[in-house]
Amino acid sequence: MSEVISLLQGIPETIATLALSLSFARISLRWLPIVVGGVIISIIGSAIKLLPLTLGLHSVAMLLMCVLFISKTTHISPSKSFIVTISSVIILIFFEIVIHLSISRLTTLSLEAASTDSLLWFLIGLPQAIIIFILSLLVSKIKKPVLNGWKI
């Protein structure tokens, strides 16, 4: 059950990270390919996480899959794709830390205790995905997308 909840948390985060990366790259936000790509990357990342491999390897794999997705579906070079994806992931990590620490301080709930309850951990992680979605829309409004950014 916790694997399903982990997957459900990863899907909005991955979609939001892809959207923010595309906004940074000045690619218009076409939600169908973003959602499909985010869901596929999240499912593959969750499958890798379940394997008996080094801790965090799934994160590296998901980062590289996001880079590959952006460079193959848009006219963005792999190097720029890597830069915008890393930037988005760093912003996601920042908000994740801020939100988790804020909730921990406001509720006196330790992060260790919260992480043992899958549903609670999912609910705590949802705000950062929402913030990244909003941020991607704002960046897209400020940095106007270029025409014909998509290959598909």
Protein backbone atom coordinates (compact mmCIF):
# COMPACT_ATOMS: atom_id res chain seq x y z
CA MET A 1 0.00 0.00 0.00
CA SER A 2 2.82 2.43 0.83
CA GLU A 3 4.29 1.85 -2.66
CA VAL A 4 1.01 2.97 -4.23
CA ILE A 5 0.89 6.11 -2.07
CA SER A 6 4.55 6.79 -2.89
CA LEU A 7 3.73 6.50 -6.59
CA LEU A 8 0.74 8.81 -6.17
CA GLN A 9 2.96 11.41 -4.49
CA GLY A 10 5.62 11.10 -7.17
CA ILE A 11 3.27 11.67 -10.10
CA PRO A 12 2.26 15.28 -9.33
CA GLU A 13 5.83 16.15 -8.30
CA THR A 14 7.23 14.77 -11.55
CA ILE A 15 4.60 16.49 -13.70
CA ALA A 16 5.20 19.78 -11.87
CA THR A 17 8.98 19.44 -12.22
CA LEU A 18 8.65 18.77 -15.95
CA ALA A 19 6.35 21.79 -16.32
CA LEU A 20 8.76 24.07 -14.44
CA SER A 21 11.71 22.78 -16.48
CA LEU A 22 9.83 23.48 -19.71
CA SER A 23 8.89 26.95 -18.47
CA PHE A 24 12.54 27.71 -17.73
CA ALA A 25 13.40 26.53 -21.25
CA ARG A 26 10.70 28.84 -22.70
CA ILE A 27 8.65 25.95 -24.05
CA SER A 28 4.86 26.37 -24.02
CA LEU A 29 3.07 24.26 -21.45
CA ARG A 30 1.19 21.61 -23.42
CA TRP A 31 -0.36 19.58 -20.65
CA LEU A 32 -1.07 16.31 -22.47
CA PRO A 33 2.57 15.47 -23.24
CA ILE A 34 3.68 16.87 -19.87
CA VAL A 35 1.20 14.72 -17.94
CA VAL A 36 1.87 11.58 -19.99
CA GLY A 37 5.64 12.06 -19.69
CA GLY A 38 5.40 12.79 -15.96
CA VAL A 39 3.27 9.72 -15.26
CA ILE A 40 5.57 7.41 -17.25
CA ILE A 41 8.73 8.82 -15.64
CA SER A 42 7.16 8.55 -12.18
CA ILE A 43 6.07 4.93 -12.70
CA ILE A 44 9.51 3.91 -13.97
CA GLY A 45 11.15 5.80 -11.09
CA SER A 46 8.90 4.06 -8.55
CA ALA A 47 9.75 0.67 -10.10
CA ILE A 48 13.47 1.45 -9.81
CA LYS A 49 12.94 2.54 -6.19
CA LEU A 50 11.49 -0.90 -5.38
CA LEU A 51 14.58 -2.69 -6.71
CA PRO A 52 17.36 -3.64 -4.28
CA LEU A 53 19.68 -0.92 -5.58
CA THR A 54 21.60 1.94 -4.02
CA LEU A 55 19.43 4.45 -2.17
CA GLY A 56 18.69 7.49 -4.33
CA LEU A 57 19.45 5.81 -7.63
CA HIS A 58 15.82 6.23 -8.65
CA SER A 59 16.19 10.02 -8.23
CA VAL A 60 19.18 10.13 -10.57
CA ALA A 61 17.31 7.93 -13.06
CA MET A 62 14.22 10.16 -12.91
CA LEU A 63 16.34 13.27 -13.40
CA LEU A 64 17.96 11.74 -16.47
CA MET A 65 14.57 10.60 -17.81
CA CYS A 66 13.26 14.17 -17.46
CA VAL A 67 16.31 15.47 -19.36
CA LEU A 68 15.77 12.84 -22.05
CA PHE A 69 12.04 13.61 -22.29
CA ILE A 70 12.66 17.34 -22.73
CA SER A 71 15.51 16.95 -25.21
CA LYS A 72 13.63 14.39 -27.33
CA THR A 73 10.21 16.08 -27.39
CA THR A 74 11.33 19.70 -27.75
CA HIS A 75 13.93 21.68 -29.67
CA ILE A 76 16.01 22.11 -26.49
CA SER A 77 19.56 20.76 -26.47
CA PRO A 78 20.44 18.02 -23.97
CA SER A 79 22.78 20.37 -22.08
CA LYS A 80 20.12 23.09 -21.68
CA SER A 81 17.60 20.39 -20.82
CA PHE A 82 19.92 19.19 -18.06
CA ILE A 83 20.37 22.72 -16.69
CA VAL A 84 16.63 23.52 -16.58
CA THR A 85 15.81 20.12 -15.07
CA ILE A 86 18.49 20.43 -12.37
CA SER A 87 17.22 23.95 -11.61
CA SER A 88 13.65 22.66 -11.21
CA VAL A 89 14.74 19.77 -9.00
CA ILE A 90 16.74 22.14 -6.76
CA ILE A 91 13.68 24.36 -6.39
CA LEU A 92 11.54 21.29 -5.59
CA ILE A 93 14.06 20.19 -2.94
CA PHE A 94 14.08 23.69 -1.44
CA PHE A 95 10.29 23.77 -1.11
CA GLU A 96 10.25 20.20 0.18
CA ILE A 97 12.67 21.11 2.98
CA VAL A 98 10.84 24.34 3.86
CA ILE A 99 7.41 22.69 3.91
CA HIS A 100 8.52 19.62 5.85
CA LEU A 101 10.34 21.70 8.46
CA SER A 102 7.43 24.15 8.74
CA ILE A 103 4.90 21.38 9.28
CA SER A 104 7.24 19.70 11.75
CA ARG A 105 7.56 22.90 13.78
CA LEU A 106 3.90 23.89 13.57
CA THR A 107 2.54 20.49 14.58
CA THR A 108 5.39 19.23 16.78
CA LEU A 109 5.28 16.11 14.62
CA SER A 110 8.74 14.73 13.96
CA LEU A 111 9.68 14.00 10.36
CA GLU A 112 10.58 10.45 11.39
CA ALA A 113 7.09 9.85 12.78
CA ALA A 114 5.43 11.44 9.74
CA SER A 115 7.49 9.34 7.33
CA THR A 116 6.19 6.10 8.85
CA ASP A 117 2.60 7.01 7.93
CA SER A 118 2.40 6.79 4.12
CA LEU A 119 -0.82 8.77 3.77
CA LEU A 120 0.37 11.55 6.08
CA TRP A 121 3.70 11.71 4.23
CA PHE A 122 1.78 11.98 0.92
CA LEU A 123 -0.38 14.82 2.26
CA ILE A 124 2.65 16.67 3.62
CA GLY A 125 4.34 16.36 0.21
CA LEU A 126 1.39 17.62 -1.82
CA PRO A 127 1.86 21.38 -1.17
CA GLN A 128 5.29 21.48 -2.80
CA ALA A 129 3.90 19.93 -5.99
CA ILE A 130 1.14 22.56 -6.01
CA ILE A 131 3.68 25.35 -5.47
CA ILE A 132 5.85 24.05 -8.32
CA PHE A 133 2.77 23.92 -10.60
CA ILE A 134 1.94 27.54 -9.76
CA LEU A 135 5.57 28.56 -10.20
CA SER A 136 5.69 26.90 -13.63
CA LEU A 137 2.63 28.90 -14.71
CA LEU A 138 4.16 32.14 -13.41
CA VAL A 139 7.52 31.50 -15.10
CA SER A 140 5.70 30.67 -18.33
CA LYS A 141 3.87 34.01 -18.14
CA ILE A 142 7.07 35.97 -17.39
CA LYS A 143 9.37 34.14 -19.82
CA LYS A 144 7.19 34.03 -22.90
CA PRO A 145 7.43 30.65 -24.67
CA VAL A 146 9.07 30.53 -28.08
CA LEU A 147 7.07 29.40 -31.07
CA ASN A 148 7.46 25.83 -32.29
CA GLY A 149 9.27 24.66 -29.18
CA TRP A 150 7.76 21.17 -29.34
CA LYS A 151 8.82 18.47 -31.80
CA ILE A 152 5.68 16.45 -31.18
